[in-house]
Amino acid sequence: MKKVLCLLLALTAVCCFAGCTDGKCDECKTEKNVEVYEDLDGKEYCPSCAAEAALHKGIDNLFGDKD
């Protein structure tokens, strides 16, 4: 029973912090024109950081991850 309660507590914490919308860009921390972009992993970005993230995601999709 103790394990089940710990698991539920952990899942609740993850759900609360995973969707954190504080109004700041996740990259540059600006507060201007910040939106949540669902197609970019649901992160908050300003327009310039969103464009850069989309470019990187597009390049990774075209050429694959070479890690």
PDB file of N, CA and C in Angstrom:
ATOM      1  N   MET A   1       0.825  -1.190   0.000  1.00  0.00           N
ATOM      2  CA  MET A   1       0.000   0.000   0.000  1.00  0.00           C
ATOM      3  C   MET A   1       0.871   1.257   0.000  1.00  0.00           C
ATOM      4  N   LYS A   2       1.958   1.191   0.738  1.00  0.00           N
ATOM      5  CA  LYS A   2       2.866   2.325   0.825  1.00  0.00           C
ATOM      6  C   LYS A   2       3.478   2.632  -0.542  1.00  0.00           C
ATOM      7  N   LYS A   3       3.808   1.589  -1.311  1.00  0.00           N
ATOM      8  CA  LYS A   3       4.384   1.776  -2.640  1.00  0.00           C
ATOM      9  C   LYS A   3       3.386   2.419  -3.589  1.00  0.00           C
ATOM     10  N   VAL A   4       2.128   2.026  -3.488  1.00  0.00           N
ATOM     11  CA  VAL A   4       1.095   2.592  -4.349  1.00  0.00           C
ATOM     12  C   VAL A   4       0.918   4.080  -4.061  1.00  0.00           C
ATOM     13  N   LEU A   5       0.908   4.451  -2.798  1.00  0.00           N
ATOM     14  CA  LEU A   5       0.769   5.856  -2.436  1.00  0.00           C
ATOM     15  C   LEU A   5       1.973   6.672  -2.899  1.00  0.00           C
ATOM     16  N   CYS A   6       3.159   6.122  -2.773  1.00  0.00           N
ATOM     17  CA  CYS A   6       4.362   6.809  -3.249  1.00  0.00           C
ATOM     18  C   CYS A   6       4.322   6.988  -4.765  1.00  0.00           C
ATOM     19  N   LEU A   7       3.854   5.973  -5.473  1.00  0.00           N
ATOM     20  CA  LEU A   7       3.740   6.054  -6.922  1.00  0.00           C
ATOM     21  C   LEU A   7       2.741   7.137  -7.321  1.00  0.00           C
ATOM     22  N   LEU A   8       1.602   7.193  -6.658  1.00  0.00           N
ATOM     23  CA  LEU A   8       0.610   8.221  -6.955  1.00  0.00           C
ATOM     24  C   LEU A   8       1.137   9.618  -6.660  1.00  0.00           C
ATOM     25  N   LEU A   9       1.869   9.770  -5.589  1.00  0.00           N
ATOM     26  CA  LEU A   9       2.463  11.055  -5.248  1.00  0.00           C
ATOM     27  C   LEU A   9       3.484  11.476  -6.302  1.00  0.00           C
ATOM     28  N   ALA A  10       4.292  10.544  -6.747  1.00  0.00           N
ATOM     29  CA  ALA A  10       5.297  10.841  -7.766  1.00  0.00           C
ATOM     30  C   ALA A  10       4.636  11.230  -9.087  1.00  0.00           C
ATOM     31  N   LEU A  11       3.591  10.514  -9.480  1.00  0.00           N
ATOM     32  CA  LEU A  11       2.892  10.839 -10.718  1.00  0.00           C
ATOM     33  C   LEU A  11       2.233  12.211 -10.647  1.00  0.00           C
ATOM     34  N   THR A  12       1.694  12.545  -9.498  1.00  0.00           N
ATOM     35  CA  THR A  12       1.086  13.858  -9.311  1.00  0.00           C
ATOM     36  C   THR A  12       2.126  14.959  -9.441  1.00  0.00           C
ATOM     37  N   ALA A  13       3.286  14.764  -8.853  1.00  0.00           N
ATOM     38  CA  ALA A  13       4.357  15.761  -8.934  1.00  0.00           C
ATOM     39  C   ALA A  13       4.824  15.940 -10.374  1.00  0.00           C
ATOM     40  N   VAL A  14       4.973  14.853 -11.101  1.00  0.00           N
ATOM     41  CA  VAL A  14       5.407  14.939 -12.497  1.00  0.00           C
ATOM     42  C   VAL A  14       4.376  15.679 -13.324  1.00  0.00           C
ATOM     43  N   CYS A  15       3.124  15.388 -13.125  1.00  0.00           N
ATOM     44  CA  CYS A  15       2.059  16.051 -13.883  1.00  0.00           C
ATOM     45  C   CYS A  15       2.002  17.540 -13.571  1.00  0.00           C
ATOM     46  N   CYS A  16       2.230  17.915 -12.348  1.00  0.00           N
ATOM     47  CA  CYS A  16       2.175  19.328 -11.978  1.00  0.00           C
ATOM     48  C   CYS A  16       3.316  20.113 -12.598  1.00  0.00           C
ATOM     49  N   PHE A  17       4.520  19.553 -12.596  1.00  0.00           N
ATOM     50  CA  PHE A  17       5.682  20.294 -13.064  1.00  0.00           C
ATOM     51  C   PHE A  17       5.951  20.112 -14.553  1.00  0.00           C
ATOM     52  N   ALA A  18       5.407  19.100 -15.176  1.00  0.00           N
ATOM     53  CA  ALA A  18       5.649  18.875 -16.601  1.00  0.00           C
ATOM     54  C   ALA A  18       4.971  19.942 -17.443  1.00  0.00           C
ATOM     55  N   GLY A  19       3.827  20.380 -17.054  1.00  0.00           N
ATOM     56  CA  GLY A  19       3.098  21.385 -17.812  1.00  0.00           C
ATOM     57  C   GLY A  19       3.223  22.774 -17.224  1.00  0.00           C
ATOM     58  N   CYS A  20       4.340  23.096 -16.677  1.00  0.00           N
ATOM     59  CA  CYS A  20       4.547  24.382 -16.019  1.00  0.00           C
ATOM     60  C   CYS A  20       4.482  25.517 -17.038  1.00  0.00           C
ATOM     61  N   THR A  21       3.552  26.412 -16.860  1.00  0.00           N
ATOM     62  CA  THR A  21       3.453  27.587 -17.718  1.00  0.00           C
ATOM     63  C   THR A  21       3.633  28.820 -16.849  1.00  0.00           C
ATOM     64  N   ASP A  22       4.849  29.311 -16.815  1.00  0.00           N
ATOM     65  CA  ASP A  22       5.153  30.462 -15.981  1.00  0.00           C
ATOM     66  C   ASP A  22       5.194  31.767 -16.766  1.00  0.00           C
ATOM     67  N   GLY A  23       4.932  31.696 -18.087  1.00  0.00           N
ATOM     68  CA  GLY A  23       4.931  32.901 -18.905  1.00  0.00           C
ATOM     69  C   GLY A  23       6.303  33.335 -19.358  1.00  0.00           C
ATOM     70  N   LYS A  24       7.319  32.504 -19.164  1.00  0.00           N
ATOM     71  CA  LYS A  24       8.680  32.816 -19.594  1.00  0.00           C
ATOM     72  C   LYS A  24       9.126  31.806 -20.635  1.00  0.00           C
ATOM     73  N   CYS A  25       9.909  32.270 -21.592  1.00  0.00           N
ATOM     74  CA  CYS A  25      10.472  31.397 -22.611  1.00  0.00           C
ATOM     75  C   CYS A  25      11.397  30.377 -21.939  1.00  0.00           C
ATOM     76  N   ASP A  26      11.278  29.110 -22.332  1.00  0.00           N
ATOM     77  CA  ASP A  26      12.100  28.064 -21.720  1.00  0.00           C
ATOM     78  C   ASP A  26      13.575  28.167 -22.108  1.00  0.00           C
ATOM     79  N   GLU A  27      13.883  28.908 -23.170  1.00  0.00           N
ATOM     80  CA  GLU A  27      15.276  29.042 -23.620  1.00  0.00           C
ATOM     81  C   GLU A  27      15.918  30.329 -23.112  1.00  0.00           C
ATOM     82  N   CYS A  28      15.334  31.478 -23.474  1.00  0.00           N
ATOM     83  CA  CYS A  28      15.989  32.763 -23.167  1.00  0.00           C
ATOM     84  C   CYS A  28      15.391  33.484 -21.962  1.00  0.00           C
ATOM     85  N   LYS A  29      14.301  32.957 -21.406  1.00  0.00           N
ATOM     86  CA  LYS A  29      13.638  33.466 -20.193  1.00  0.00           C
ATOM     87  C   LYS A  29      12.978  34.834 -20.362  1.00  0.00           C
ATOM     88  N   THR A  30      12.738  35.262 -21.612  1.00  0.00           N
ATOM     89  CA  THR A  30      12.010  36.501 -21.829  1.00  0.00           C
ATOM     90  C   THR A  30      10.530  36.276 -21.545  1.00  0.00           C
ATOM     91  N   GLU A  31       9.791  37.367 -21.316  1.00  0.00           N
ATOM     92  CA  GLU A  31       8.370  37.268 -21.027  1.00  0.00           C
ATOM     93  C   GLU A  31       7.519  37.867 -22.138  1.00  0.00           C
ATOM     94  N   LYS A  32       8.126  38.244 -23.266  1.00  0.00           N
ATOM     95  CA  LYS A  32       7.406  38.901 -24.353  1.00  0.00           C
ATOM     96  C   LYS A  32       6.934  37.893 -25.388  1.00  0.00           C
ATOM     97  N   ASN A  33       5.638  37.924 -25.712  1.00  0.00           N
ATOM     98  CA  ASN A  33       5.031  37.099 -26.771  1.00  0.00           C
ATOM     99  C   ASN A  33       5.293  35.609 -26.594  1.00  0.00           C
ATOM    100  N   VAL A  34       5.259  35.127 -25.378  1.00  0.00           N
ATOM    101  CA  VAL A  34       5.540  33.715 -25.100  1.00  0.00           C
ATOM    102  C   VAL A  34       4.273  32.896 -25.301  1.00  0.00           C
ATOM    103  N   GLU A  35       4.405  31.795 -26.027  1.00  0.00           N
ATOM    104  CA  GLU A  35       3.297  30.876 -26.259  1.00  0.00           C
ATOM    105  C   GLU A  35       3.767  29.449 -26.021  1.00  0.00           C
ATOM    106  N   VAL A  36       2.815  28.572 -25.734  1.00  0.00           N
ATOM    107  CA  VAL A  36       3.112  27.146 -25.601  1.00  0.00           C
ATOM    108  C   VAL A  36       2.960  26.523 -26.975  1.00  0.00           C
ATOM    109  N   TYR A  37       4.015  25.847 -27.441  1.00  0.00           N
ATOM    110  CA  TYR A  37       4.011  25.203 -28.744  1.00  0.00           C
ATOM    111  C   TYR A  37       3.912  23.699 -28.557  1.00  0.00           C
ATOM    112  N   GLU A  38       2.709  23.172 -28.835  1.00  0.00           N
ATOM    113  CA  GLU A  38       2.456  21.737 -28.650  1.00  0.00           C
ATOM    114  C   GLU A  38       3.307  20.889 -29.583  1.00  0.00           C
ATOM    115  N   ASP A  39       3.550  21.375 -30.812  1.00  0.00           N
ATOM    116  CA  ASP A  39       4.336  20.586 -31.754  1.00  0.00           C
ATOM    117  C   ASP A  39       5.832  20.655 -31.465  1.00  0.00           C
ATOM    118  N   LEU A  40       6.234  21.490 -30.536  1.00  0.00           N
ATOM    119  CA  LEU A  40       7.630  21.549 -30.088  1.00  0.00           C
ATOM    120  C   LEU A  40       7.714  21.055 -28.647  1.00  0.00           C
ATOM    121  N   ASP A  41       7.160  19.904 -28.411  1.00  0.00           N
ATOM    122  CA  ASP A  41       7.173  19.221 -27.109  1.00  0.00           C
ATOM    123  C   ASP A  41       6.425  19.969 -26.020  1.00  0.00           C
ATOM    124  N   GLY A  42       5.509  20.854 -26.394  1.00  0.00           N
ATOM    125  CA  GLY A  42       4.683  21.545 -25.417  1.00  0.00           C
ATOM    126  C   GLY A  42       5.429  22.558 -24.571  1.00  0.00           C
ATOM    127  N   LYS A  43       6.565  23.029 -25.051  1.00  0.00           N
ATOM    128  CA  LYS A  43       7.358  24.001 -24.295  1.00  0.00           C
ATOM    129  C   LYS A  43       6.919  25.419 -24.606  1.00  0.00           C
ATOM    130  N   GLU A  44       7.281  26.335 -23.723  1.00  0.00           N
ATOM    131  CA  GLU A  44       6.994  27.749 -23.912  1.00  0.00           C
ATOM    132  C   GLU A  44       8.172  28.406 -24.621  1.00  0.00           C
ATOM    133  N   TYR A  45       7.881  29.113 -25.723  1.00  0.00           N
ATOM    134  CA  TYR A  45       8.927  29.788 -26.480  1.00  0.00           C
ATOM    135  C   TYR A  45       8.473  31.175 -26.894  1.00  0.00           C
ATOM    136  N   CYS A  46       9.427  32.107 -26.992  1.00  0.00           N
ATOM    137  CA  CYS A  46       9.183  33.372 -27.664  1.00  0.00           C
ATOM    138  C   CYS A  46       9.307  33.083 -29.166  1.00  0.00           C
ATOM    139  N   PRO A  47       8.887  33.990 -30.033  1.00  0.00           N
ATOM    140  CA  PRO A  47       8.917  33.698 -31.472  1.00  0.00           C
ATOM    141  C   PRO A  47      10.307  33.340 -32.022  1.00  0.00           C
ATOM    142  N   SER A  48      11.358  34.013 -31.596  1.00  0.00           N
ATOM    143  CA  SER A  48      12.686  33.715 -32.139  1.00  0.00           C
ATOM    144  C   SER A  48      13.202  32.350 -31.665  1.00  0.00           C
ATOM    145  N   CYS A  49      12.972  32.004 -30.422  1.00  0.00           N
ATOM    146  CA  CYS A  49      13.404  30.696 -29.921  1.00  0.00           C
ATOM    147  C   CYS A  49      12.553  29.577 -30.524  1.00  0.00           C
ATOM    148  N   ALA A  50      11.253  29.860 -30.792  1.00  0.00           N
ATOM    149  CA  ALA A  50      10.392  28.868 -31.427  1.00  0.00           C
ATOM    150  C   ALA A  50      10.876  28.580 -32.843  1.00  0.00           C
ATOM    151  N   ALA A  51      11.276  29.627 -33.566  1.00  0.00           N
ATOM    152  CA  ALA A  51      11.787  29.432 -34.922  1.00  0.00           C
ATOM    153  C   ALA A  51      13.065  28.603 -34.907  1.00  0.00           C
ATOM    154  N   GLU A  52      13.942  28.888 -33.964  1.00  0.00           N
ATOM    155  CA  GLU A  52      15.199  28.123 -33.858  1.00  0.00           C
ATOM    156  C   GLU A  52      14.924  26.668 -33.485  1.00  0.00           C
ATOM    157  N   ALA A  53      14.010  26.439 -32.555  1.00  0.00           N
ATOM    158  CA  ALA A  53      13.681  25.070 -32.151  1.00  0.00           C
ATOM    159  C   ALA A  53      13.031  24.305 -33.299  1.00  0.00           C
ATOM    160  N   ALA A  54      12.171  24.982 -34.068  1.00  0.00           N
ATOM    161  CA  ALA A  54      11.534  24.337 -35.214  1.00  0.00           C
ATOM    162  C   ALA A  54      12.567  23.997 -36.281  1.00  0.00           C
ATOM    163  N   LEU A  55      13.537  24.879 -36.483  1.00  0.00           N
ATOM    164  CA  LEU A  55      14.600  24.614 -37.455  1.00  0.00           C
ATOM    165  C   LEU A  55      15.411  23.394 -37.044  1.00  0.00           C
ATOM    166  N   HIS A  56      15.796  23.326 -35.784  1.00  0.00           N
ATOM    167  CA  HIS A  56      16.560  22.179 -35.297  1.00  0.00           C
ATOM    168  C   HIS A  56      15.750  20.886 -35.389  1.00  0.00           C
ATOM    169  N   LYS A  57      14.460  20.969 -35.071  1.00  0.00           N
ATOM    170  CA  LYS A  57      13.607  19.784 -35.153  1.00  0.00           C
ATOM    171  C   LYS A  57      13.468  19.334 -36.606  1.00  0.00           C
ATOM    172  N   GLY A  58      13.332  20.289 -37.532  1.00  0.00           N
ATOM    173  CA  GLY A  58      13.230  19.959 -38.948  1.00  0.00           C
ATOM    174  C   GLY A  58      14.498  19.327 -39.485  1.00  0.00           C
ATOM    175  N   ILE A  59      15.647  19.853 -39.080  1.00  0.00           N
ATOM    176  CA  ILE A  59      16.929  19.288 -39.519  1.00  0.00           C
ATOM    177  C   ILE A  59      17.093  17.878 -38.969  1.00  0.00           C
ATOM    178  N   ASP A  60      16.735  17.679 -37.705  1.00  0.00           N
ATOM    179  CA  ASP A  60      16.827  16.339 -37.117  1.00  0.00           C
ATOM    180  C   ASP A  60      15.908  15.355 -37.829  1.00  0.00           C
ATOM    181  N   ASN A  61      14.717  15.823 -38.232  1.00  0.00           N
ATOM    182  CA  ASN A  61      13.789  14.951 -38.951  1.00  0.00           C
ATOM    183  C   ASN A  61      14.313  14.603 -40.343  1.00  0.00           C
ATOM    184  N   LEU A  62      14.971  15.549 -40.997  1.00  0.00           N
ATOM    185  CA  LEU A  62      15.487  15.294 -42.347  1.00  0.00           C
ATOM    186  C   LEU A  62      16.699  14.374 -42.349  1.00  0.00           C
ATOM    187  N   PHE A  63      17.640  14.655 -41.496  1.00  0.00           N
ATOM    188  CA  PHE A  63      18.912  13.960 -41.520  1.00  0.00           C
ATOM    189  C   PHE A  63      19.077  12.906 -40.440  1.00  0.00           C
ATOM    190  N   GLY A  64      18.138  12.832 -39.525  1.00  0.00           N
ATOM    191  CA  GLY A  64      18.251  11.871 -38.432  1.00  0.00           C
ATOM    192  C   GLY A  64      19.206  12.358 -37.366  1.00  0.00           C
ATOM    193  N   ASP A  65      19.089  11.799 -36.200  1.00  0.00           N
ATOM    194  CA  ASP A  65      19.953  12.169 -35.073  1.00  0.00           C
ATOM    195  C   ASP A  65      21.252  11.386 -35.188  1.00  0.00           C
ATOM    196  N   LYS A  66      22.360  12.041 -35.318  1.00  0.00           N
ATOM    197  CA  LYS A  66      23.660  11.403 -35.554  1.00  0.00           C
ATOM    198  C   LYS A  66      24.461  11.171 -34.277  1.00  0.00           C
ATOM    199  N   ASP A  67      23.813  11.133 -33.124  1.00  0.00           N
ATOM    200  CA  ASP A  67      24.544  10.965 -31.848  1.00  0.00           C
ATOM    201  C   ASP A  67      25.168   9.651 -31.727  1.00  0.00           C
TER     202      ASP A  67
END
